[in-house]
Amino acid sequence: MRLWLAAVGRSRGGPARDLYEEYAGRLGWPLTLREVEVKKRLPPDELKRQEAELLLSAIPAGAVVVALDERGRTITSEDFATRIGGWRDRGAGDIAFLIGGADGHGDAVRTRADFLLALGAMTWPHMLVRGMLAEQLYRAQQILAGHPYHRA
């Protein structure tokens, strides 16, 4: 199983990037980061539409798509692991996580998504979300392996 993270914006060095790299490096599942961005100034709806096109074109066809979205479901780490394990066990070759831009996801991403996931009710900096997601992927991997990393 391969994991993909398609995100709007380019990451710069610093603590948020270090956090992402720390947990991405611990994963046994391959994780590929694809960064996209629209360089033109556009009205919010058009910007979201173009970002959605870029995000969807950055992931493999047929991937299970999880859009990180404030309107998504908030689930526990155990439920997240169970969901990933279920996709894996049903033969998903690719699972793609999409992080939108400052204005959120375009309709095409929400329509294509197999699951909308919220990392809580608060809004997080998008660069920090990459690290938080990578840690939760690592945690899910450890939960599925029966490793004591997750102590719940």
Protein backbone atom coordinates (compact mmCIF):
# COMPACT_ATOMS: atom_id res chain seq x y z
CA MET A 1 0.00 0.00 0.00
CA ARG A 2 1.30 3.43 -0.95
CA LEU A 3 0.34 6.70 0.75
CA TRP A 4 0.15 10.05 -1.02
CA LEU A 5 -0.11 13.54 0.41
CA ALA A 6 -1.13 16.22 -2.05
CA ALA A 7 -1.07 19.67 -0.53
CA VAL A 8 -1.51 23.23 -1.68
CA GLY A 9 1.57 25.34 -0.98
CA ARG A 10 5.31 24.84 -0.88
CA SER A 11 6.93 23.84 2.37
CA ARG A 12 9.91 25.76 3.67
CA GLY A 13 12.40 24.59 6.22
CA GLY A 14 11.59 24.93 9.90
CA PRO A 15 9.83 23.14 12.75
CA ALA A 16 6.65 22.26 10.80
CA ARG A 17 8.68 20.66 8.02
CA ASP A 18 10.90 18.89 10.55
CA LEU A 19 7.81 17.41 12.24
CA TYR A 20 6.50 16.11 8.91
CA GLU A 21 9.87 14.60 7.98
CA GLU A 22 10.27 12.98 11.41
CA TYR A 23 7.05 10.98 11.13
CA ALA A 24 7.16 10.42 7.37
CA GLY A 25 10.60 8.89 7.90
CA ARG A 26 9.25 6.49 10.54
CA LEU A 27 6.53 5.09 8.28
CA GLY A 28 6.93 1.65 6.82
CA TRP A 29 4.39 2.50 4.13
CA PRO A 30 5.87 4.66 1.37
CA LEU A 31 4.59 8.25 1.59
CA THR A 32 4.94 10.60 -1.36
CA LEU A 33 4.42 14.34 -0.91
CA ARG A 34 3.17 16.29 -3.91
CA GLU A 35 2.98 20.07 -3.48
CA VAL A 36 0.88 22.16 -5.84
CA GLU A 37 0.14 25.83 -6.11
CA VAL A 38 -1.64 28.35 -8.29
CA LYS A 39 0.61 31.35 -8.78
CA LYS A 40 -2.05 33.76 -10.10
CA ARG A 41 -4.25 35.97 -7.97
CA LEU A 42 -7.79 34.74 -8.50
CA PRO A 43 -11.19 35.12 -6.87
CA PRO A 44 -11.62 32.52 -4.09
CA ASP A 45 -14.03 30.26 -5.99
CA GLU A 46 -11.81 30.11 -9.08
CA LEU A 47 -8.72 29.58 -6.94
CA LYS A 48 -10.37 26.65 -5.15
CA ARG A 49 -11.45 25.18 -8.49
CA GLN A 50 -7.92 25.33 -9.90
CA GLU A 51 -6.35 24.02 -6.70
CA ALA A 52 -8.82 21.11 -6.76
CA GLU A 53 -7.75 20.25 -10.31
CA LEU A 54 -4.08 20.33 -9.32
CA LEU A 55 -4.62 18.23 -6.21
CA LEU A 56 -6.60 15.58 -8.05
CA SER A 57 -4.07 15.43 -10.87
CA ALA A 58 -1.25 14.89 -8.33
CA ILE A 59 -2.59 11.55 -7.08
CA PRO A 60 -2.94 8.15 -8.76
CA ALA A 61 -6.18 7.28 -10.53
CA GLY A 62 -8.16 4.84 -8.44
CA ALA A 63 -6.67 5.93 -5.12
CA VAL A 64 -8.82 6.05 -2.01
CA VAL A 65 -9.13 9.80 -1.42
CA VAL A 66 -9.28 11.39 2.03
CA ALA A 67 -9.81 15.15 2.00
CA LEU A 68 -8.82 17.00 5.15
CA ASP A 69 -11.71 19.40 5.57
CA GLU A 70 -13.18 21.42 8.41
CA ARG A 71 -16.59 19.96 7.53
CA GLY A 72 -15.26 16.40 7.75
CA ARG A 73 -15.70 13.85 10.50
CA THR A 74 -13.58 13.95 13.62
CA ILE A 75 -12.56 10.40 14.54
CA THR A 76 -10.26 8.79 17.09
CA SER A 77 -6.81 7.50 16.25
CA GLU A 78 -8.12 3.94 16.67
CA ASP A 79 -10.94 4.60 14.20
CA PHE A 80 -8.46 6.15 11.78
CA ALA A 81 -6.27 3.05 12.00
CA THR A 82 -9.28 0.77 11.52
CA ARG A 83 -10.36 2.73 8.44
CA ILE A 84 -6.86 2.55 6.91
CA GLY A 85 -6.62 -1.14 7.78
CA GLY A 86 -9.98 -1.74 6.11
CA TRP A 87 -8.91 -0.02 2.92
CA ARG A 88 -5.65 -1.96 2.96
CA ASP A 89 -7.44 -5.26 3.55
CA ARG A 90 -9.86 -4.58 0.69
CA GLY A 91 -6.87 -4.20 -1.63
CA ALA A 92 -6.38 -0.43 -1.84
CA GLY A 93 -3.03 0.09 -3.54
CA ASP A 94 -3.01 3.83 -2.96
CA ILE A 95 -4.51 6.08 -0.30
CA ALA A 96 -4.26 9.81 -0.99
CA PHE A 97 -4.71 12.58 1.57
CA LEU A 98 -5.51 16.04 0.23
CA ILE A 99 -4.85 19.32 2.05
CA GLY A 100 -6.42 22.34 0.40
CA GLY A 101 -5.43 25.97 0.35
CA ALA A 102 -6.39 28.83 2.65
CA ASP A 103 -9.93 28.97 1.25
CA GLY A 104 -10.51 25.23 1.60
CA HIS A 105 -11.27 22.57 -0.99
CA GLY A 106 -13.03 23.04 -4.28
CA ASP A 107 -16.19 21.09 -4.96
CA ALA A 108 -14.36 18.60 -7.21
CA VAL A 109 -12.25 17.40 -4.27
CA ARG A 110 -15.24 16.98 -1.95
CA THR A 111 -17.13 15.13 -4.68
CA ARG A 112 -14.20 12.79 -5.41
CA ALA A 113 -13.32 12.16 -1.76
CA ASP A 114 -14.12 8.77 -0.27
CA PHE A 115 -13.88 10.30 3.19
CA LEU A 116 -13.83 13.84 4.61
CA LEU A 117 -11.60 14.03 7.69
CA ALA A 118 -11.37 16.88 10.20
CA LEU A 119 -8.46 17.11 12.64
CA GLY A 120 -10.73 18.70 15.21
CA ALA A 121 -12.93 21.76 15.32
CA MET A 122 -10.02 24.23 15.32
CA THR A 123 -8.28 25.55 12.24
CA TRP A 124 -4.60 24.54 11.97
CA PRO A 125 -1.81 26.03 9.87
CA HIS A 126 -1.69 23.95 6.70
CA MET A 127 2.03 23.28 7.01
CA LEU A 128 1.51 21.98 10.56
CA VAL A 129 -1.32 19.73 9.36
CA ARG A 130 1.20 17.82 7.22
CA GLY A 131 3.15 16.86 10.33
CA MET A 132 0.03 16.08 12.32
CA LEU A 133 -1.23 13.82 9.54
CA ALA A 134 2.14 12.07 9.19
CA GLU A 135 2.14 11.38 12.95
CA GLN A 136 -1.40 9.96 12.79
CA LEU A 137 -0.40 7.75 9.84
CA TYR A 138 2.56 6.47 11.85
CA ARG A 139 0.28 5.95 14.87
CA ALA A 140 -2.22 4.04 12.69
CA GLN A 141 0.58 1.84 11.39
CA GLN A 142 1.67 1.09 14.96
CA ILE A 143 -1.90 0.41 16.13
CA LEU A 144 -2.43 -2.03 13.25
CA ALA A 145 0.86 -3.75 14.10
CA GLY A 146 -0.09 -4.08 17.78
CA HIS A 147 2.87 -1.94 18.81
CA PRO A 148 2.64 -0.11 22.18
CA TYR A 149 3.37 3.35 20.66
CA HIS A 150 -0.34 4.14 21.03
CA ARG A 151 -1.27 3.77 24.68
CA ALA A 152 -5.03 4.08 24.86
